[in-house]
């Protein structure tokens, strides 16, 4: 059986074994309606059920938001899993054996390194927790947490730990303890817990800090955030990024709070770890926090599957205003409603909730202003609505509009802000710098989808999806010159990124492509698969050779057209020497082209 046939067989076996009604009913309250089951859609807010599950066809569909798919699609979207993770989860649940995947030496080495970093962080977390819980020298840290109102129950729930100062625990507190567990100092450094000295040897990165383990969405410790107890700087410190930790994608607390966020359909974003902890102490646990970085589009994308609204609970200082302003294009691009709730002067969420209780926070959040309105109001307060004030506001807003990646969103913002300012859209737009729009981030009107590509170009796309191992060969032969459509470039970029992580399943493309039409095209392609009629490797090689010949023919035809233009120019100018040289080139192109067509 070929690899593709084997993969399809595994998928079908799991799909047949899995009860889609049972799987979805664990997350959605379903009621029987004839041969179907209905309930409130988990992917958008609604009061009247429009979510339907068809047990005969083994698929779901929401007539409200349009989400649909099979049991794999539901697991991936609802639980934020990749396709391989959903496959493994369902296989384990329904006792379907999965064959071991063949991996290259490089894939095995990369996987081994990732697993090692997970192990280092997990062992370190256990050591930090035990030290905070049991060591006499950790009494100052326990008192610090108690004074800030963090009870023992939350210390355990968030798996907080403590690392002593060098005077108490030495400069290799965690490094030496992990080495005693047969973990090398190099691995400790790669996990971000140790720093290599120029003179040789290592010392701990974190010292005299309360430590917050940072979890990925599968519950694995990937990094740490530390708050210093003394007066040293920086006050807060996070682990450096690694192959398992990307701070632009992860939010502190999202793993622990994802169900609370999903239930309320609202996420509250705060700036600090203790802000999050103290809100949770007072029963407000639909909260997450960035990890020492501004809110990114990936953060909003992560939240989108859990909620419809994100409230930024920020200080009213200039830094908070700038952070809110920068995030507007991300909310627009991900189609998530963003709001801002400003804290009273002199307060952060921690101090406000301790002083005035959870009701003060809830009231602020309920009265939060839409993000764009908040920014506009703040600019009006800063500059006024005089002629010079309007000019200043337009300059500020122009820079903001420029960052919006979707042209339709840019037009909407221009129309909205120009009306607010009492100027024409053309006048407002004259202050918006022109930009080269990154087409891969959206699906503008008129954009060519995969389905709309010419037949031969669709064959190339199909081949790359089913045989991604030949991508490099096609690129070297001039793939980007032959097919210049943005949708193909986007697909190639995703294939390259997935390939860097090692072997992958083509289904993973469904979680990274942004356009629904393209997702559907890939889904249909994978459902059809292919029928090689011979062994897989030879079939792939044969198809690749055919496409390479076609690509060479296309490039040669273009060369011929360009040569013909140059020949015409040489004839017009009377340049006989150049004309003769160009005619020789043309005959050579024609000869090669005839050879390819035989």
Protein backbone atom coordinates (compact mmCIF):
# COMPACT_ATOMS: atom_id res chain seq x y z
CA UNK A 1 0.00 0.00 0.00
CA UNK A 2 1.36 3.44 -0.95
CA UNK A 3 1.98 6.05 1.80
CA UNK A 4 -0.99 8.14 0.64
CA UNK A 5 -3.30 5.11 0.51
CA UNK A 6 -2.09 4.08 3.96
CA UNK A 7 -2.69 7.58 5.34
CA UNK A 8 -6.19 7.72 3.84
CA UNK A 9 -6.97 4.28 5.24
CA UNK A 10 -5.91 5.39 8.73
CA UNK A 11 -8.01 8.56 8.49
CA UNK A 12 -11.04 6.58 7.30
CA UNK A 13 -10.62 3.96 10.03
CA UNK A 14 -10.55 6.64 12.72
CA UNK A 15 -13.41 8.60 11.15
CA UNK A 16 -15.52 5.41 11.01
CA UNK A 17 -14.64 4.47 14.60
CA UNK A 18 -15.26 7.94 16.03
CA UNK A 19 -18.79 8.93 17.01
CA UNK A 20 -19.00 12.57 15.93
CA UNK A 21 -22.11 13.13 18.05
CA UNK A 22 -20.33 11.80 21.13
CA UNK A 23 -17.21 13.89 20.46
CA UNK A 24 -19.12 17.12 19.89
CA UNK A 25 -21.59 16.56 22.73
CA UNK A 26 -18.67 16.69 25.16
CA UNK A 27 -18.31 20.36 24.18
CA UNK A 28 -21.79 21.35 22.97
CA UNK A 29 -25.20 20.55 24.44
CA UNK A 30 -26.94 18.73 21.58
CA UNK A 31 -30.61 17.91 21.17
CA UNK A 32 -32.02 15.37 18.72
CA UNK A 33 -34.02 16.89 15.86
CA UNK A 34 -35.21 14.17 13.49
CA UNK A 35 -32.15 12.43 12.08
CA UNK A 36 -29.86 15.28 13.14
CA UNK A 37 -28.68 16.88 16.38
CA UNK A 38 -28.70 20.62 16.98
CA UNK A 39 -27.19 23.03 19.49
CA UNK A 40 -25.66 26.46 20.00
CA UNK A 41 -22.60 26.94 17.80
CA UNK A 42 -19.34 26.88 19.80
CA UNK A 43 -17.58 29.02 17.17
CA UNK A 44 -19.71 32.16 17.36
CA UNK A 45 -22.12 33.77 19.82
CA UNK A 46 -25.78 32.94 19.20
CA UNK A 47 -29.02 32.55 21.14
CA UNK A 48 -30.94 30.41 18.65
CA UNK A 49 -29.38 27.04 17.72
CA UNK A 50 -28.01 26.97 14.18
CA UNK A 51 -25.35 24.31 14.72
CA UNK A 52 -26.24 20.93 13.20
CA UNK A 53 -24.53 17.53 13.51
CA UNK A 54 -25.32 14.82 10.97
CA UNK A 55 -24.43 11.37 12.38
CA UNK A 56 -25.14 9.60 9.08
CA UNK A 57 -22.77 11.77 7.07
CA UNK A 58 -20.42 12.21 10.04
CA UNK A 59 -20.16 15.98 9.61
CA UNK A 60 -21.23 19.20 11.33
CA UNK A 61 -22.38 22.52 9.87
CA UNK A 62 -23.34 25.87 11.36
CA UNK A 63 -25.96 27.75 9.35
CA UNK A 64 -25.05 30.90 11.24
CA UNK A 65 -21.31 31.32 10.77
CA UNK A 66 -20.72 28.73 8.04
CA UNK A 67 -18.24 26.55 9.94
CA UNK A 68 -18.40 22.92 8.84
CA UNK A 69 -16.33 19.78 8.64
CA UNK A 70 -15.83 16.29 9.99
CA UNK A 71 -14.74 15.07 13.40
CA UNK A 72 -11.10 16.01 12.66
CA UNK A 73 -12.10 19.56 11.72
CA UNK A 74 -14.06 19.95 14.94
CA UNK A 75 -11.23 18.68 17.13
CA UNK A 76 -8.73 20.97 15.39
CA UNK A 77 -10.85 24.12 15.63
CA UNK A 78 -12.44 23.63 19.04
CA UNK A 79 -9.38 22.31 20.88
CA UNK A 80 -6.80 24.26 18.83
CA UNK A 81 -5.02 21.11 17.68
CA UNK A 82 -2.97 20.41 14.59
CA UNK A 83 -4.22 17.62 12.34
CA UNK A 84 -1.64 15.08 13.62
CA UNK A 85 -2.62 15.94 17.21
CA UNK A 86 -6.32 15.50 16.44
CA UNK A 87 -5.53 12.23 14.65
CA UNK A 88 -3.58 10.90 17.64
CA UNK A 89 -6.21 12.03 20.15
CA UNK A 90 -9.06 10.31 18.31
CA UNK A 91 -6.98 7.22 17.59
CA UNK A 92 -6.19 6.84 21.28
CA UNK A 93 -9.79 7.48 22.31
CA UNK A 94 -11.21 4.91 19.88
CA UNK A 95 -8.38 2.38 20.15
CA UNK A 96 -7.12 2.66 16.59
CA UNK A 97 -3.45 1.77 16.21
CA UNK A 98 -1.30 4.29 14.37
CA UNK A 99 1.74 3.03 12.44
CA UNK A 100 5.10 4.56 13.25
CA UNK A 101 6.01 7.32 10.80
CA UNK A 102 9.29 7.03 8.98
CA UNK A 103 11.53 9.95 9.80
CA UNK A 104 14.85 11.15 8.48
CA UNK A 105 17.85 11.44 10.76
CA UNK A 106 17.37 15.23 10.79
CA UNK A 107 13.70 14.82 11.77
CA UNK A 108 14.61 12.45 14.58
CA UNK A 109 17.32 14.81 15.84
CA UNK A 110 14.93 17.77 15.79
CA UNK A 111 12.22 15.81 17.61
CA UNK A 112 14.75 14.56 20.17
CA UNK A 113 15.90 18.12 20.86
CA UNK A 114 12.33 19.35 21.31
CA UNK A 115 11.50 16.52 23.69
CA UNK A 116 14.68 17.23 25.61
CA UNK A 117 13.72 20.90 26.08
CA UNK A 118 10.25 19.89 27.29
CA UNK A 119 11.92 17.54 29.78
CA UNK A 120 14.35 20.21 31.01
CA UNK A 121 11.55 22.71 31.61
CA UNK A 122 9.31 20.16 33.31
CA UNK A 123 12.06 18.97 35.67
CA UNK A 124 13.06 22.55 36.43
CA UNK A 125 9.44 23.45 37.17
CA UNK A 126 9.18 20.58 39.65
CA UNK A 127 12.39 21.67 41.39
CA UNK A 128 11.28 25.32 41.60
CA UNK A 129 7.85 24.32 42.96
CA UNK A 130 9.28 22.03 45.60
CA UNK A 131 11.78 24.66 46.73
CA UNK A 132 9.02 27.27 47.12
CA UNK A 133 6.80 24.82 48.96
CA UNK A 134 9.31 23.18 51.30
CA UNK A 135 12.54 25.14 51.69
CA UNK A 136 13.11 27.31 54.72
CA UNK A 137 15.11 29.71 52.54
CA UNK A 138 11.97 30.28 50.41
CA UNK A 139 10.05 31.86 53.31
CA UNK A 140 10.56 35.42 51.90
CA UNK A 141 8.98 34.27 48.61
CA UNK A 142 6.05 32.63 50.40
CA UNK A 143 5.52 35.81 52.45
CA UNK A 144 5.74 37.93 49.29
CA UNK A 145 2.99 35.89 47.63
CA UNK A 146 0.85 35.96 50.75
CA UNK A 147 1.25 39.73 51.14
CA UNK A 148 0.13 40.19 47.52
CA UNK A 149 -2.97 38.12 48.21
CA UNK A 150 -2.04 34.95 46.31
CA UNK A 151 -3.38 31.93 48.28
CA UNK A 152 -1.70 28.53 48.36
CA UNK A 153 -4.44 27.09 46.17
CA UNK A 154 -3.42 29.39 43.29
CA UNK A 155 0.26 28.78 43.94
CA UNK A 156 -0.48 25.12 43.25
CA UNK A 157 -2.91 25.73 40.40
CA UNK A 158 -0.43 27.86 38.45
CA UNK A 159 2.53 25.74 39.60
CA UNK A 160 4.48 28.75 40.90
CA UNK A 161 8.04 28.23 42.04
CA UNK A 162 11.00 30.08 43.46
CA UNK A 163 14.73 30.22 42.77
CA UNK A 164 16.95 31.63 45.55
CA UNK A 165 19.57 34.35 45.30
CA UNK A 166 23.19 33.34 44.50
CA UNK A 167 24.12 34.10 48.12
CA UNK A 168 21.72 31.37 49.24
CA UNK A 169 21.60 28.86 46.39
CA UNK A 170 24.77 29.64 44.45
CA UNK A 171 25.10 30.61 40.81
CA UNK A 172 24.20 27.12 39.52
CA UNK A 173 21.15 26.30 41.63
CA UNK A 174 19.06 24.84 38.80
CA UNK A 175 21.93 23.86 36.48
CA UNK A 176 23.61 21.62 39.06
CA UNK A 177 20.32 20.01 40.12
CA UNK A 178 19.38 19.21 36.54
CA UNK A 179 22.87 17.86 35.87
CA UNK A 180 22.36 15.47 38.80
CA UNK A 181 19.37 14.12 36.81
CA UNK A 182 21.62 13.36 33.81
CA UNK A 183 20.64 16.54 31.95
CA UNK A 184 23.61 18.31 30.37
CA UNK A 185 24.43 21.96 31.02
CA UNK A 186 24.18 22.52 27.25
CA UNK A 187 20.54 21.36 27.32
CA UNK A 188 19.85 23.64 30.29
CA UNK A 189 21.31 26.54 28.31
CA UNK A 190 19.25 25.65 25.20
CA UNK A 191 16.12 25.71 27.36
CA UNK A 192 17.03 29.26 28.41
CA UNK A 193 17.63 28.43 32.08
CA UNK A 194 21.42 28.87 32.00
CA UNK A 195 23.82 31.34 30.41
CA UNK A 196 27.21 30.33 29.06
CA UNK A 197 30.16 32.37 30.37
CA UNK A 198 32.79 33.66 27.95
CA UNK A 199 35.46 32.11 30.15
CA UNK A 200 33.68 28.74 30.11
CA UNK A 201 31.10 27.16 32.36
CA UNK A 202 27.51 28.24 33.03
CA UNK A 203 25.45 30.23 35.52
CA UNK A 204 21.69 30.36 36.12
CA UNK A 205 19.60 32.91 34.22
CA UNK A 206 16.94 33.21 36.96
CA UNK A 207 18.04 34.22 40.48
CA UNK A 208 15.98 35.34 43.51
CA UNK A 209 12.72 35.28 41.55
CA UNK A 210 9.21 33.94 41.92
CA UNK A 211 8.75 31.85 38.78
CA UNK A 212 5.66 31.38 36.63
CA UNK A 213 5.77 28.34 34.31
CA UNK A 214 4.55 29.21 30.82
CA UNK A 215 2.48 26.48 29.17
CA UNK A 216 1.74 25.83 25.52
CA UNK A 217 -1.80 24.87 24.58
CA UNK A 218 -1.12 21.17 25.11
CA UNK A 219 -0.12 21.81 28.73
CA UNK A 220 3.66 21.46 28.40
CA UNK A 221 6.03 23.85 30.16
CA UNK A 222 7.94 25.72 27.45
CA UNK A 223 9.43 28.65 29.37
CA UNK A 224 9.34 30.66 32.59
CA UNK A 225 8.57 34.19 33.67
CA UNK A 226 10.22 35.49 36.82
CA UNK A 227 9.46 38.41 39.17
CA UNK A 228 12.46 39.51 41.24
CA UNK A 229 11.95 39.76 45.01
CA UNK A 230 14.57 42.41 45.68
CA UNK A 231 15.29 45.73 44.01
CA UNK A 232 17.31 44.41 41.06
CA UNK A 233 16.47 44.84 37.41
CA UNK A 234 14.73 43.82 35.30
CA UNK A 235 11.73 43.51 37.57
CA UNK A 236 10.20 40.89 35.25
CA UNK A 237 12.16 38.47 33.07
CA UNK A 238 11.07 35.76 30.64
CA UNK A 239 12.99 32.83 29.18
CA UNK A 240 14.55 33.58 25.79
CA UNK A 241 12.79 32.15 22.76
CA UNK A 242 13.65 28.62 21.68
CA UNK A 243 12.41 25.97 19.26
CA UNK A 244 9.51 25.33 21.68
CA UNK A 245 8.86 28.89 22.90
CA UNK A 246 7.64 31.76 20.70
CA UNK A 247 6.42 34.66 22.83
CA UNK A 248 4.67 36.30 19.88
CA UNK A 249 2.28 33.32 19.75
CA UNK A 250 1.74 32.35 23.39
CA UNK A 251 -0.23 34.19 26.05
CA UNK A 252 0.35 33.61 29.75
CA UNK A 253 -2.70 32.03 31.36
CA UNK A 254 -4.49 31.08 28.14
CA UNK A 255 -3.90 27.38 28.77
CA UNK A 256 -5.41 27.57 32.28
CA UNK A 257 -8.19 30.01 31.34
CA UNK A 258 -9.25 28.81 27.91
CA UNK A 259 -12.51 27.24 29.11
CA UNK A 260 -13.48 30.33 31.12
CA UNK A 261 -12.77 32.48 28.07
CA UNK A 262 -14.76 30.14 25.84
CA UNK A 263 -17.69 30.12 28.26
CA UNK A 264 -17.86 33.92 28.56
CA UNK A 265 -16.94 34.48 24.87
CA UNK A 266 -14.75 37.34 26.11
CA UNK A 267 -11.04 37.56 26.92
CA UNK A 268 -9.57 40.24 29.18
CA UNK A 269 -5.96 41.14 28.38
CA UNK A 270 -3.80 42.48 31.20
CA UNK A 271 -0.13 43.42 31.17
CA UNK A 272 1.32 41.49 34.10
CA UNK A 273 1.39 38.01 35.57
CA UNK A 274 0.34 39.20 39.03
CA UNK A 275 -2.53 41.18 37.49
CA UNK A 276 -3.76 37.91 36.03
CA UNK A 277 -3.28 35.99 39.29
CA UNK A 278 -5.09 38.53 41.45
CA UNK A 279 -8.04 38.72 39.07
CA UNK A 280 -8.24 34.93 39.21
CA UNK A 281 -8.16 35.09 43.02
CA UNK A 282 -11.28 37.27 42.87
CA UNK A 283 -13.10 34.95 40.47
CA UNK A 284 -12.26 36.70 37.20
CA UNK A 285 -10.46 34.02 35.23
CA UNK A 286 -11.23 34.78 31.57
CA UNK A 287 -7.89 36.59 31.52
CA UNK A 288 -4.60 36.27 29.60
CA UNK A 289 -1.40 38.31 29.38
CA UNK A 290 1.30 38.86 26.73
CA UNK A 291 4.78 37.66 27.62
CA UNK A 292 6.74 40.88 27.74
CA UNK A 293 5.78 41.88 24.22
CA UNK A 294 3.08 43.96 22.56
CA UNK A 295 -0.08 42.18 21.47
CA UNK A 296 0.52 40.51 18.10
CA UNK A 297 -1.75 39.27 15.34
CA UNK A 298 -0.89 35.70 16.32
CA UNK A 299 -2.13 36.44 19.85
CA UNK A 300 -5.46 37.64 18.44
CA UNK A 301 -5.62 34.60 16.17
CA UNK A 302 -5.08 32.34 19.21
CA UNK A 303 -7.93 34.04 21.07
CA UNK A 304 -10.30 34.05 18.09
CA UNK A 305 -11.22 30.39 18.49
CA UNK A 306 -12.27 30.97 22.10
CA UNK A 307 -14.07 34.30 22.08
CA UNK A 308 -15.74 37.01 20.02
CA UNK A 309 -14.56 39.99 22.06
CA UNK A 310 -11.20 40.98 23.56
CA UNK A 311 -11.00 43.74 26.17
CA UNK A 312 -7.65 45.40 26.76
CA UNK A 313 -7.47 46.36 30.45
CA UNK A 314 -4.65 48.90 30.32
CA UNK A 315 -3.24 51.83 32.24
CA UNK A 316 -4.27 55.21 30.88
CA UNK A 317 -0.68 56.27 30.19
CA UNK A 318 0.86 56.95 26.78
CA UNK A 319 2.35 53.46 26.60
CA UNK A 320 -1.09 51.91 27.04
CA UNK A 321 -2.55 54.16 24.36
CA UNK A 322 0.20 53.27 21.89
CA UNK A 323 -0.21 49.55 22.61
CA UNK A 324 -3.95 49.76 21.97
CA UNK A 325 -3.41 51.79 18.79
CA UNK A 326 -0.91 49.31 17.35
CA UNK A 327 -3.25 46.38 17.88
CA UNK A 328 -6.20 47.76 15.85
CA UNK A 329 -5.08 46.29 12.48
CA UNK A 330 -4.72 42.85 14.09
CA UNK A 331 -8.28 42.89 15.40
CA UNK A 332 -9.57 44.04 12.02
CA UNK A 333 -7.60 41.37 10.16
CA UNK A 334 -8.81 38.57 12.46
CA UNK A 335 -12.37 39.94 12.63
CA UNK A 336 -12.41 39.98 16.43
CA UNK A 337 -14.08 42.84 18.28
CA UNK A 338 -11.50 44.77 20.28
CA UNK A 339 -12.33 47.07 23.19
CA UNK A 340 -10.38 49.11 25.73
CA UNK A 341 -11.07 49.61 29.42
CA UNK A 342 -8.89 52.26 31.06
CA UNK A 343 -7.87 51.76 34.68
CA UNK A 344 -8.24 54.66 37.15
CA UNK A 345 -5.12 56.75 37.62
CA UNK A 346 -2.68 55.15 40.02
CA UNK A 347 -4.19 51.67 39.71
CA UNK A 348 -3.31 48.45 37.93
CA UNK A 349 -5.71 45.46 37.88
CA UNK A 350 -3.91 43.98 40.90
CA UNK A 351 -4.32 47.04 43.12
CA UNK A 352 -7.84 47.88 41.91
CA UNK A 353 -9.28 44.43 42.53
CA UNK A 354 -7.64 44.22 45.97
CA UNK A 355 -8.92 47.65 46.96
CA UNK A 356 -12.39 47.70 45.43
CA UNK A 357 -13.16 44.06 44.62
CA UNK A 358 -14.14 42.23 41.46
CA UNK A 359 -17.16 44.46 40.87
CA UNK A 360 -14.91 47.39 39.97
CA UNK A 361 -13.16 45.31 37.31
CA UNK A 362 -16.42 43.92 35.95
CA UNK A 363 -17.89 47.42 35.69
CA UNK A 364 -14.83 48.68 33.80
CA UNK A 365 -14.96 45.78 31.37
CA UNK A 366 -18.69 46.17 30.73
CA UNK A 367 -18.17 49.87 29.93
CA UNK A 368 -15.18 49.23 27.65
CA UNK A 369 -15.10 51.34 24.49
CA UNK A 370 -14.64 49.91 20.98
CA UNK A 371 -10.95 50.07 20.16
CA UNK A 372 -11.16 52.46 17.19
CA UNK A 373 -13.47 54.81 19.11
CA UNK A 374 -11.15 54.77 22.10
CA UNK A 375 -8.14 55.74 19.99
CA UNK A 376 -10.08 58.49 18.22
CA UNK A 377 -11.39 59.95 21.50
CA UNK A 378 -7.93 59.88 23.04
CA UNK A 379 -6.48 61.74 20.04
CA UNK A 380 -9.24 64.35 20.18
CA UNK A 381 -8.52 64.90 23.88
CA UNK A 382 -4.83 65.25 23.08
CA UNK A 383 -4.99 67.55 20.04
CA UNK A 384 -8.48 69.10 20.03
CA UNK A 385 -10.64 69.71 16.95
CA UNK A 386 -9.06 72.91 15.76
CA UNK A 387 -7.70 73.00 12.22
CA UNK A 388 -4.18 72.17 13.40
CA UNK A 389 -5.61 69.58 15.80
CA UNK A 390 -7.45 67.80 12.98
CA UNK A 391 -4.27 67.77 10.93
CA UNK A 392 -2.38 66.16 13.83
CA UNK A 393 -5.13 63.59 14.33
CA UNK A 394 -5.13 62.74 10.61
CA UNK A 395 -1.37 62.20 10.71
CA UNK A 396 -1.71 59.85 13.69
CA UNK A 397 -4.64 57.95 12.16
CA UNK A 398 -2.98 57.81 8.74
CA UNK A 399 -0.09 55.88 10.23
CA UNK A 400 -2.62 53.53 11.84
CA UNK A 401 -4.66 53.01 8.64
CA UNK A 402 -1.44 52.29 6.75
CA UNK A 403 -0.89 49.23 8.96
CA UNK A 404 -4.23 47.64 8.04
CA UNK A 405 -3.41 44.76 5.70
CA UNK A 406 -6.86 44.34 4.14
CA UNK A 407 -7.78 47.06 1.58
CA UNK A 408 -11.48 46.75 2.44
CA UNK A 409 -10.70 47.40 6.10
CA UNK A 410 -8.54 50.36 5.14
CA UNK A 411 -11.42 51.83 3.13
CA UNK A 412 -13.80 51.30 6.04
CA UNK A 413 -11.43 53.01 8.49
CA UNK A 414 -10.87 55.93 6.11
CA UNK A 415 -14.63 56.42 5.67
CA UNK A 416 -15.28 56.15 9.43
CA UNK A 417 -12.49 58.48 10.60
CA UNK A 418 -13.05 61.05 7.86
CA UNK A 419 -16.73 61.33 8.85
CA UNK A 420 -15.74 61.76 12.50
CA UNK A 421 -13.32 64.55 11.56
CA UNK A 422 -15.71 66.22 9.14
CA UNK A 423 -13.39 65.91 6.15
CA UNK A 424 -13.83 64.11 2.86
CA UNK A 425 -12.46 60.55 2.49
CA UNK A 426 -10.24 61.84 -0.33
CA UNK A 427 -8.80 64.53 1.95
CA UNK A 428 -8.20 61.98 4.69
CA UNK A 429 -6.73 59.46 2.28
CA UNK A 430 -4.29 62.02 0.92
CA UNK A 431 -2.48 61.69 4.22
CA UNK A 432 -2.34 57.89 4.11
CA UNK A 433 1.01 56.74 2.66
CA UNK A 434 0.75 54.23 -0.13
CA UNK A 435 1.96 50.78 0.78
CA UNK A 436 2.75 47.44 -0.74
CA UNK A 437 0.05 45.21 0.69
CA UNK A 438 1.02 41.76 1.91
CA UNK A 439 -1.50 39.74 -0.03
CA UNK A 440 -0.93 36.53 1.88
CA UNK A 441 -2.61 37.91 4.99
CA UNK A 442 -6.09 38.25 3.53
CA UNK A 443 -8.37 37.41 0.64
CA UNK A 444 -9.16 40.71 -1.14
CA UNK A 445 -11.93 41.01 -3.66
CA UNK A 446 -10.80 39.70 -7.03
CA UNK A 447 -8.05 37.54 -5.60
CA UNK A 448 -7.49 34.37 -7.63
CA UNK A 449 -8.18 31.27 -5.54
CA UNK A 450 -6.58 27.85 -6.06
CA UNK A 451 -9.74 26.63 -7.80
CA UNK A 452 -9.56 29.52 -10.29
CA UNK A 453 -6.01 28.77 -11.44
CA UNK A 454 -5.52 27.48 -15.00
CA UNK A 455 -5.62 23.68 -15.28
CA UNK A 456 -1.85 23.19 -15.61
CA UNK A 457 -1.10 25.45 -12.65
CA UNK A 458 -3.67 23.55 -10.57
CA UNK A 459 -1.80 20.36 -11.47
CA UNK A 460 1.36 21.90 -10.01
CA UNK A 461 -0.51 22.85 -6.82
CA UNK A 462 -2.02 19.37 -6.48
CA UNK A 463 1.40 17.80 -6.99
CA UNK A 464 3.06 20.00 -4.36
CA UNK A 465 0.37 19.20 -1.78
CA UNK A 466 0.57 15.45 -2.36
CA UNK A 467 4.35 15.32 -2.98
CA UNK A 468 5.89 18.24 -1.01
CA UNK A 469 9.31 16.53 -1.07
CA UNK A 470 9.72 17.72 -4.69
CA UNK A 471 9.17 21.42 -3.84
CA UNK A 472 12.87 22.33 -3.81
CA UNK A 473 13.42 20.77 -7.21
CA UNK A 474 10.57 22.74 -8.78
CA UNK A 475 11.79 25.95 -7.16
CA UNK A 476 15.26 25.50 -8.59
CA UNK A 477 13.67 25.03 -12.01
CA UNK A 478 11.96 28.44 -11.75
CA UNK A 479 8.57 27.74 -10.13
CA UNK A 480 8.16 31.34 -8.96
CA UNK A 481 8.83 32.61 -12.50
CA UNK A 482 6.30 30.28 -14.09
CA UNK A 483 3.47 30.80 -11.57
CA UNK A 484 3.35 34.26 -10.06
CA UNK A 485 -0.12 34.18 -8.49
CA UNK A 486 -0.03 35.22 -4.79
CA UNK A 487 -2.17 32.23 -3.80
CA UNK A 488 0.54 29.84 -5.07
CA UNK A 489 3.31 31.83 -3.40
CA UNK A 490 1.34 31.67 -0.14
CA UNK A 491 0.99 27.90 -0.47
CA UNK A 492 4.71 27.49 -1.19
CA UNK A 493 5.60 29.62 1.85
CA UNK A 494 3.42 27.44 4.10
CA UNK A 495 4.96 24.26 2.66
CA UNK A 496 8.44 25.65 3.33
CA UNK A 497 7.56 26.56 6.92
CA UNK A 498 5.96 23.19 7.61
CA UNK A 499 8.96 21.45 6.05
CA UNK A 500 11.36 23.25 8.39
CA UNK A 501 9.65 21.56 11.33
CA UNK A 502 10.31 18.14 9.84
CA UNK A 503 7.94 15.62 8.29
CA UNK A 504 4.31 16.76 8.24
CA UNK A 505 0.88 15.70 7.07
CA UNK A 506 -0.60 17.62 4.09
CA UNK A 507 -3.73 18.16 6.21
CA UNK A 508 -1.73 20.62 8.32
CA UNK A 509 -2.15 23.10 5.45
CA UNK A 510 -5.81 23.43 6.44
CA UNK A 511 -4.82 25.10 9.70
CA UNK A 512 -2.47 27.68 8.12
CA UNK A 513 -4.26 28.72 4.92
CA UNK A 514 -6.35 31.84 5.53
CA UNK A 515 -8.88 31.72 2.66
CA UNK A 516 -11.86 29.40 3.10
CA UNK A 517 -12.02 28.68 -0.66
CA UNK A 518 -8.41 27.51 -0.62
CA UNK A 519 -8.99 25.43 2.52
CA UNK A 520 -11.93 23.76 0.80
CA UNK A 521 -9.87 23.13 -2.35
CA UNK A 522 -7.10 21.42 -0.35
CA UNK A 523 -9.66 19.49 1.69
CA UNK A 524 -11.35 18.18 -1.47
CA UNK A 525 -7.97 17.29 -2.97
CA UNK A 526 -6.94 15.30 0.11
CA UNK A 527 -10.30 13.54 0.19
CA UNK A 528 -9.78 12.49 -3.46
CA UNK A 529 -6.13 11.61 -2.93
CA UNK A 530 -4.54 10.10 -6.02
CA UNK A 531 -4.46 6.78 -7.80
CA UNK A 532 -0.84 6.23 -8.88
CA UNK A 533 -1.37 2.80 -10.43
CA UNK A 534 2.26 2.00 -9.58
CA UNK A 535 4.58 2.40 -6.65
CA UNK A 536 4.34 5.84 -5.04
CA UNK A 537 7.95 6.94 -5.45
CA UNK A 538 8.12 6.23 -9.20
CA UNK A 539 4.76 7.88 -9.76
CA UNK A 540 5.87 11.04 -7.96
CA UNK A 541 9.13 11.10 -9.92
CA UNK A 542 7.27 10.69 -13.20
CA UNK A 543 4.85 13.51 -12.42
CA UNK A 544 7.70 15.78 -11.33
CA UNK A 545 9.57 15.18 -14.59
CA UNK A 546 6.46 16.01 -16.59
CA UNK A 547 5.97 19.27 -14.68
CA UNK A 548 9.65 20.18 -15.04
CA UNK A 549 9.38 19.74 -18.81
CA UNK A 550 6.24 21.91 -18.91
CA UNK A 551 7.91 24.62 -16.81
CA UNK A 552 10.96 24.65 -19.07
CA UNK A 553 8.68 24.97 -22.11
CA UNK A 554 6.84 27.92 -20.54
CA UNK A 555 10.08 29.71 -19.68
CA UNK A 556 11.46 29.10 -23.16
CA UNK A 557 8.30 30.50 -24.76
CA UNK A 558 8.69 33.62 -22.64
CA UNK A 559 12.33 33.86 -23.62
CA UNK A 560 11.26 33.52 -27.24
CA UNK A 561 8.71 36.33 -26.89
CA UNK A 562 11.30 38.55 -25.26
CA UNK A 563 13.79 37.73 -28.01
CA UNK A 564 11.19 38.59 -30.64
CA UNK A 565 10.66 42.00 -29.00
CA UNK A 566 14.43 42.62 -28.98
CA UNK A 567 14.68 41.50 -32.63
CA UNK A 568 11.98 44.01 -33.57
CA UNK A 569 13.85 46.78 -31.72
CA UNK A 570 17.14 45.83 -33.47
CA UNK A 571 15.38 45.93 -36.85
CA UNK A 572 13.88 49.36 -36.09
CA UNK A 573 17.23 50.77 -35.00
CA UNK A 574 19.19 49.18 -37.87
CA UNK A 575 21.62 47.41 -35.49
CA UNK A 576 22.69 44.55 -37.82
CA UNK A 577 25.26 42.98 -35.45
CA UNK A 578 22.79 42.82 -32.57
CA UNK A 579 20.07 41.50 -34.91
CA UNK A 580 22.30 38.60 -36.07
CA UNK A 581 23.19 37.67 -32.49
CA UNK A 582 19.52 37.71 -31.45
CA UNK A 583 18.47 35.55 -34.42
CA UNK A 584 21.05 32.93 -33.42
CA UNK A 585 19.59 32.91 -29.89
CA UNK A 586 16.08 32.57 -31.31
CA UNK A 587 17.00 29.56 -33.44
CA UNK A 588 18.55 27.90 -30.37
CA UNK A 589 15.37 28.48 -28.35
CA UNK A 590 13.25 27.02 -31.14
CA UNK A 591 15.51 23.97 -31.37
CA UNK A 592 15.25 23.28 -27.64
CA UNK A 593 11.52 23.80 -27.70
CA UNK A 594 11.09 21.24 -30.52
CA UNK A 595 13.21 18.79 -28.53
CA UNK A 596 10.95 19.18 -25.49
CA UNK A 597 7.82 18.59 -27.57
CA UNK A 598 9.00 15.28 -29.04
